[in-house]
Amino acid sequence: MRILHNYRNISRATKQFLMGDKFLEQLMILQIKEHYFAPMYYKAPIENTFFLGRNLADLTDRHTALFQNNQHPIQLSVYETYNTFLRDLHSKNQAESAEDLGARLEEVANERTAMLNTQEGETLSIDDLSEIYIQVMAEFRERQNLSRNSKSSTGEINDYLEVRRPFGAAQ
């Protein structure tokens, strides 16, 4: 009973800091449910632990205190992520970039459609649309300098950007 009461208190405590943002409230409730009820879905036989209920109740007491003081790591992470989302949502540069990307997608799709025999009912297939998307996104990544340099010219993965030395070699 204490565990469920703490869940209710956590839910109320988080809502008081969200300033009426219904979308963020829903996201926060889903996040809390996922983390809070995770022990209920464990595949291990945790119910055989005689002190489990007491430990979970004590743990939820600590979580409740952190949520009520607006200091819980889940809250802080959600705030940061949501602020980034809002910043991107209201960014003029993001909107212009999305419009440019959409225009380029239409341009390439129109170029490919012009090569088809539309009089006989030919249209772009899902594979064609996928290729168009891949091509346009590759161009976008190239323009934004987001190229994936995960492999070298020899085909090896560039995960270690240092010279490999044998064990015991001077550093």
C-alpha atoms as a PDB file:
ATOM      1  CA  MET A   1       0.000   0.000   0.000  1.00  0.00           C
ATOM      2  CA  ARG A   2       2.826   2.358   0.896  1.00  0.00           C
ATOM      3  CA  ILE A   3       4.458   1.790  -2.485  1.00  0.00           C
ATOM      4  CA  LEU A   4       1.299   2.746  -4.395  1.00  0.00           C
ATOM      5  CA  HIS A   5       0.750   5.733  -2.129  1.00  0.00           C
ATOM      6  CA  ASN A   6       4.284   6.891  -2.923  1.00  0.00           C
ATOM      7  CA  TYR A   7       3.562   6.490  -6.641  1.00  0.00           C
ATOM      8  CA  ARG A   8       0.564   8.806  -6.225  1.00  0.00           C
ATOM      9  CA  ASN A   9       2.685  11.309  -4.325  1.00  0.00           C
ATOM     10  CA  ILE A  10       5.418  11.183  -6.975  1.00  0.00           C
ATOM     11  CA  SER A  11       2.847  11.713  -9.723  1.00  0.00           C
ATOM     12  CA  ARG A  12       1.413  14.746  -7.937  1.00  0.00           C
ATOM     13  CA  ALA A  13       4.836  16.151  -7.095  1.00  0.00           C
ATOM     14  CA  THR A  14       5.985  16.019 -10.711  1.00  0.00           C
ATOM     15  CA  LYS A  15       2.826  17.665 -12.025  1.00  0.00           C
ATOM     16  CA  GLN A  16       3.233  20.665  -9.753  1.00  0.00           C
ATOM     17  CA  PHE A  17       6.514  21.599 -11.459  1.00  0.00           C
ATOM     18  CA  LEU A  18       5.258  21.262 -15.047  1.00  0.00           C
ATOM     19  CA  MET A  19       3.247  24.498 -15.078  1.00  0.00           C
ATOM     20  CA  GLY A  20       0.178  23.025 -16.785  1.00  0.00           C
ATOM     21  CA  ASP A  21       1.943  21.655 -19.862  1.00  0.00           C
ATOM     22  CA  LYS A  22      -0.376  18.695 -20.633  1.00  0.00           C
ATOM     23  CA  PHE A  23       1.946  17.151 -23.206  1.00  0.00           C
ATOM     24  CA  LEU A  24       4.886  17.143 -20.804  1.00  0.00           C
ATOM     25  CA  GLU A  25       2.643  15.791 -18.026  1.00  0.00           C
ATOM     26  CA  GLN A  26       1.737  12.809 -20.197  1.00  0.00           C
ATOM     27  CA  LEU A  27       5.381  12.207 -21.106  1.00  0.00           C
ATOM     28  CA  MET A  28       6.407  12.440 -17.474  1.00  0.00           C
ATOM     29  CA  ILE A  29       3.699  10.030 -16.295  1.00  0.00           C
ATOM     30  CA  LEU A  30       4.749   7.504 -18.944  1.00  0.00           C
ATOM     31  CA  GLN A  31       8.383   7.882 -17.902  1.00  0.00           C
ATOM     32  CA  ILE A  32       7.569   7.442 -14.218  1.00  0.00           C
ATOM     33  CA  LYS A  33       5.359   4.400 -14.876  1.00  0.00           C
ATOM     34  CA  GLU A  34       8.105   2.774 -16.904  1.00  0.00           C
ATOM     35  CA  HIS A  35      10.697   3.197 -14.162  1.00  0.00           C
ATOM     36  CA  TYR A  36       8.407   2.758 -11.177  1.00  0.00           C
ATOM     37  CA  PHE A  37       6.751  -0.466 -12.197  1.00  0.00           C
ATOM     38  CA  ALA A  38       9.837  -2.100 -13.755  1.00  0.00           C
ATOM     39  CA  PRO A  39      10.358  -4.427 -10.750  1.00  0.00           C
ATOM     40  CA  MET A  40       6.839  -5.778 -11.294  1.00  0.00           C
ATOM     41  CA  TYR A  41       7.891  -7.130 -14.696  1.00  0.00           C
ATOM     42  CA  TYR A  42      11.210  -8.739 -13.768  1.00  0.00           C
ATOM     43  CA  LYS A  43      11.577 -12.301 -15.012  1.00  0.00           C
ATOM     44  CA  ALA A  44      13.698 -13.320 -12.012  1.00  0.00           C
ATOM     45  CA  PRO A  45      11.804 -14.733  -8.987  1.00  0.00           C
ATOM     46  CA  ILE A  46      12.252 -11.583  -6.910  1.00  0.00           C
ATOM     47  CA  GLU A  47       9.061 -12.339  -4.988  1.00  0.00           C
ATOM     48  CA  ASN A  48      11.008 -15.022  -3.099  1.00  0.00           C
ATOM     49  CA  THR A  49      12.970 -12.276  -1.342  1.00  0.00           C
ATOM     50  CA  PHE A  50      11.266 -11.792   2.009  1.00  0.00           C
ATOM     51  CA  PHE A  51      12.455  -8.192   2.448  1.00  0.00           C
ATOM     52  CA  LEU A  52      11.550  -7.032  -1.074  1.00  0.00           C
ATOM     53  CA  GLY A  53       8.386  -5.158  -0.085  1.00  0.00           C
ATOM     54  CA  ARG A  54      10.110  -3.239   2.670  1.00  0.00           C
ATOM     55  CA  ASN A  55      13.101  -2.390   0.456  1.00  0.00           C
ATOM     56  CA  LEU A  56      10.882  -1.176  -2.379  1.00  0.00           C
ATOM     57  CA  ALA A  57       8.847   0.913   0.062  1.00  0.00           C
ATOM     58  CA  ASP A  58      11.987   2.506   1.494  1.00  0.00           C
ATOM     59  CA  LEU A  59      13.323   3.104  -2.004  1.00  0.00           C
ATOM     60  CA  THR A  60      10.093   4.783  -3.081  1.00  0.00           C
ATOM     61  CA  ASP A  61      10.264   6.991   0.019  1.00  0.00           C
ATOM     62  CA  ARG A  62      13.663   8.250  -1.149  1.00  0.00           C
ATOM     63  CA  HIS A  63      12.397   8.731  -4.704  1.00  0.00           C
ATOM     64  CA  THR A  64       9.361  10.630  -3.412  1.00  0.00           C
ATOM     65  CA  ALA A  65      11.590  13.009  -1.457  1.00  0.00           C
ATOM     66  CA  LEU A  66      13.713  13.695  -4.549  1.00  0.00           C
ATOM     67  CA  PHE A  67      10.649  14.262  -6.754  1.00  0.00           C
ATOM     68  CA  GLN A  68       9.068  16.599  -4.216  1.00  0.00           C
ATOM     69  CA  ASN A  69      12.251  18.670  -4.127  1.00  0.00           C
ATOM     70  CA  ASN A  70      12.438  18.679  -7.948  1.00  0.00           C
ATOM     71  CA  GLN A  71      15.867  17.027  -7.807  1.00  0.00           C
ATOM     72  CA  HIS A  72      15.256  13.530  -9.140  1.00  0.00           C
ATOM     73  CA  PRO A  73      17.531  12.502 -12.048  1.00  0.00           C
ATOM     74  CA  ILE A  74      14.511  11.415 -14.112  1.00  0.00           C
ATOM     75  CA  GLN A  75      12.982  14.877 -13.728  1.00  0.00           C
ATOM     76  CA  LEU A  76      16.200  16.629 -14.628  1.00  0.00           C
ATOM     77  CA  SER A  77      16.729  14.415 -17.669  1.00  0.00           C
ATOM     78  CA  VAL A  78      13.151  14.936 -18.894  1.00  0.00           C
ATOM     79  CA  TYR A  79      13.428  18.702 -18.418  1.00  0.00           C
ATOM     80  CA  GLU A  80      16.643  18.839 -20.435  1.00  0.00           C
ATOM     81  CA  THR A  81      15.253  16.669 -23.226  1.00  0.00           C
ATOM     82  CA  TYR A  82      11.960  18.578 -23.386  1.00  0.00           C
ATOM     83  CA  ASN A  83      13.725  21.947 -23.437  1.00  0.00           C
ATOM     84  CA  THR A  84      15.874  20.740 -26.329  1.00  0.00           C
ATOM     85  CA  PHE A  85      12.717  19.563 -28.104  1.00  0.00           C
ATOM     86  CA  LEU A  86      11.017  22.943 -27.612  1.00  0.00           C
ATOM     87  CA  ARG A  87      14.136  24.814 -28.685  1.00  0.00           C
ATOM     88  CA  ASP A  88      14.244  22.814 -31.927  1.00  0.00           C
ATOM     89  CA  LEU A  89      10.487  23.119 -32.408  1.00  0.00           C
ATOM     90  CA  HIS A  90      10.571  26.929 -32.269  1.00  0.00           C
ATOM     91  CA  SER A  91      13.893  27.401 -34.027  1.00  0.00           C
ATOM     92  CA  LYS A  92      13.735  29.391 -37.247  1.00  0.00           C
ATOM     93  CA  ASN A  93      16.857  27.661 -38.542  1.00  0.00           C
ATOM     94  CA  GLN A  94      15.344  24.214 -37.932  1.00  0.00           C
ATOM     95  CA  ALA A  95      12.153  25.202 -39.756  1.00  0.00           C
ATOM     96  CA  GLU A  96      14.066  26.593 -42.726  1.00  0.00           C
ATOM     97  CA  SER A  97      16.264  23.495 -42.832  1.00  0.00           C
ATOM     98  CA  ALA A  98      13.197  21.225 -42.786  1.00  0.00           C
ATOM     99  CA  GLU A  99      11.587  23.257 -45.590  1.00  0.00           C
ATOM    100  CA  ASP A 100      14.770  23.037 -47.668  1.00  0.00           C
ATOM    101  CA  LEU A 101      14.947  19.312 -47.060  1.00  0.00           C
ATOM    102  CA  GLY A 102      11.294  18.864 -48.063  1.00  0.00           C
ATOM    103  CA  ALA A 103      11.811  20.932 -51.208  1.00  0.00           C
ATOM    104  CA  ARG A 104      14.862  18.853 -52.165  1.00  0.00           C
ATOM    105  CA  LEU A 105      12.909  15.632 -51.580  1.00  0.00           C
ATOM    106  CA  GLU A 106      10.136  16.867 -53.893  1.00  0.00           C
ATOM    107  CA  GLU A 107      12.685  18.004 -56.483  1.00  0.00           C
ATOM    108  CA  VAL A 108      14.409  14.615 -56.631  1.00  0.00           C
ATOM    109  CA  ALA A 109      11.046  12.796 -56.625  1.00  0.00           C
ATOM    110  CA  ASN A 110       9.877  14.958 -59.557  1.00  0.00           C
ATOM    111  CA  GLU A 111      13.119  14.233 -61.437  1.00  0.00           C
ATOM    112  CA  ARG A 112      12.612  10.481 -60.969  1.00  0.00           C
ATOM    113  CA  THR A 113       8.908  10.722 -61.868  1.00  0.00           C
ATOM    114  CA  ALA A 114       9.815  12.506 -65.115  1.00  0.00           C
ATOM    115  CA  MET A 115      11.789   9.419 -66.175  1.00  0.00           C
ATOM    116  CA  LEU A 116       8.761   7.138 -65.731  1.00  0.00           C
ATOM    117  CA  ASN A 117       6.100   6.362 -68.303  1.00  0.00           C
ATOM    118  CA  THR A 118       3.154   7.806 -66.382  1.00  0.00           C
ATOM    119  CA  GLN A 119       0.840   7.336 -69.405  1.00  0.00           C
ATOM    120  CA  GLU A 120       0.971   3.590 -68.801  1.00  0.00           C
ATOM    121  CA  GLY A 121       0.533   3.930 -65.046  1.00  0.00           C
ATOM    122  CA  GLU A 122       4.116   3.733 -63.831  1.00  0.00           C
ATOM    123  CA  THR A 123       4.672   5.341 -60.435  1.00  0.00           C
ATOM    124  CA  LEU A 124       7.457   5.496 -57.918  1.00  0.00           C
ATOM    125  CA  SER A 125       7.684   2.365 -55.814  1.00  0.00           C
ATOM    126  CA  ILE A 126       8.435   2.237 -52.114  1.00  0.00           C
ATOM    127  CA  ASP A 127      11.991   1.223 -52.993  1.00  0.00           C
ATOM    128  CA  ASP A 128      12.332   4.258 -55.268  1.00  0.00           C
ATOM    129  CA  LEU A 129      11.056   6.540 -52.497  1.00  0.00           C
ATOM    130  CA  SER A 130      13.491   4.946 -50.053  1.00  0.00           C
ATOM    131  CA  GLU A 131      16.378   5.541 -52.454  1.00  0.00           C
ATOM    132  CA  ILE A 132      15.307   9.168 -52.891  1.00  0.00           C
ATOM    133  CA  TYR A 133      15.199   9.633 -49.122  1.00  0.00           C
ATOM    134  CA  ILE A 134      18.610   8.015 -48.659  1.00  0.00           C
ATOM    135  CA  GLN A 135      20.122  10.158 -51.414  1.00  0.00           C
ATOM    136  CA  VAL A 136      18.696  13.430 -50.071  1.00  0.00           C
ATOM    137  CA  MET A 137      19.676  12.653 -46.485  1.00  0.00           C
ATOM    138  CA  ALA A 138      23.224  11.788 -47.627  1.00  0.00           C
ATOM    139  CA  GLU A 139      23.405  15.183 -49.348  1.00  0.00           C
ATOM    140  CA  PHE A 140      22.056  16.842 -46.205  1.00  0.00           C
ATOM    141  CA  ARG A 141      24.632  15.118 -43.974  1.00  0.00           C
ATOM    142  CA  GLU A 142      27.377  16.124 -46.380  1.00  0.00           C
ATOM    143  CA  ARG A 143      26.265  19.784 -46.327  1.00  0.00           C
ATOM    144  CA  GLN A 144      25.987  19.792 -42.523  1.00  0.00           C
ATOM    145  CA  ASN A 145      29.371  18.073 -42.205  1.00  0.00           C
ATOM    146  CA  LEU A 146      27.742  15.092 -40.515  1.00  0.00           C
ATOM    147  CA  SER A 147      29.407  12.473 -42.670  1.00  0.00           C
ATOM    148  CA  ARG A 148      29.900   9.148 -41.019  1.00  0.00           C
ATOM    149  CA  ASN A 149      33.618   8.567 -40.793  1.00  0.00           C
ATOM    150  CA  SER A 150      33.292   5.225 -39.069  1.00  0.00           C
ATOM    151  CA  LYS A 151      35.417   3.371 -41.627  1.00  0.00           C
ATOM    152  CA  SER A 152      38.813   4.237 -43.014  1.00  0.00           C
ATOM    153  CA  SER A 153      39.863   4.026 -46.646  1.00  0.00           C
ATOM    154  CA  THR A 154      41.031   0.447 -46.034  1.00  0.00           C
ATOM    155  CA  GLY A 155      37.622  -0.520 -44.661  1.00  0.00           C
ATOM    156  CA  GLU A 156      38.686  -0.776 -41.031  1.00  0.00           C
ATOM    157  CA  ILE A 157      36.608   0.817 -38.298  1.00  0.00           C
ATOM    158  CA  ASN A 158      37.954   4.139 -36.991  1.00  0.00           C
ATOM    159  CA  ASP A 159      37.013   3.569 -33.381  1.00  0.00           C
ATOM    160  CA  TYR A 160      40.518   3.965 -32.045  1.00  0.00           C
ATOM    161  CA  LEU A 161      42.160   7.113 -33.317  1.00  0.00           C
ATOM    162  CA  GLU A 162      45.527   6.212 -31.895  1.00  0.00           C
ATOM    163  CA  VAL A 163      48.409   4.067 -33.042  1.00  0.00           C
ATOM    164  CA  ARG A 164      48.180   0.546 -31.688  1.00  0.00           C
ATOM    165  CA  ARG A 165      51.237  -0.447 -29.737  1.00  0.00           C
ATOM    166  CA  PRO A 166      52.259  -3.866 -28.454  1.00  0.00           C
ATOM    167  CA  PHE A 167      51.890  -4.519 -24.744  1.00  0.00           C
ATOM    168  CA  GLY A 168      54.755  -3.153 -22.705  1.00  0.00           C
ATOM    169  CA  ALA A 169      55.778  -0.551 -25.271  1.00  0.00           C
ATOM    170  CA  ALA A 170      56.731   2.870 -23.973  1.00  0.00           C
ATOM    171  CA  GLN A 171      53.776   5.211 -23.805  1.00  0.00           C
END
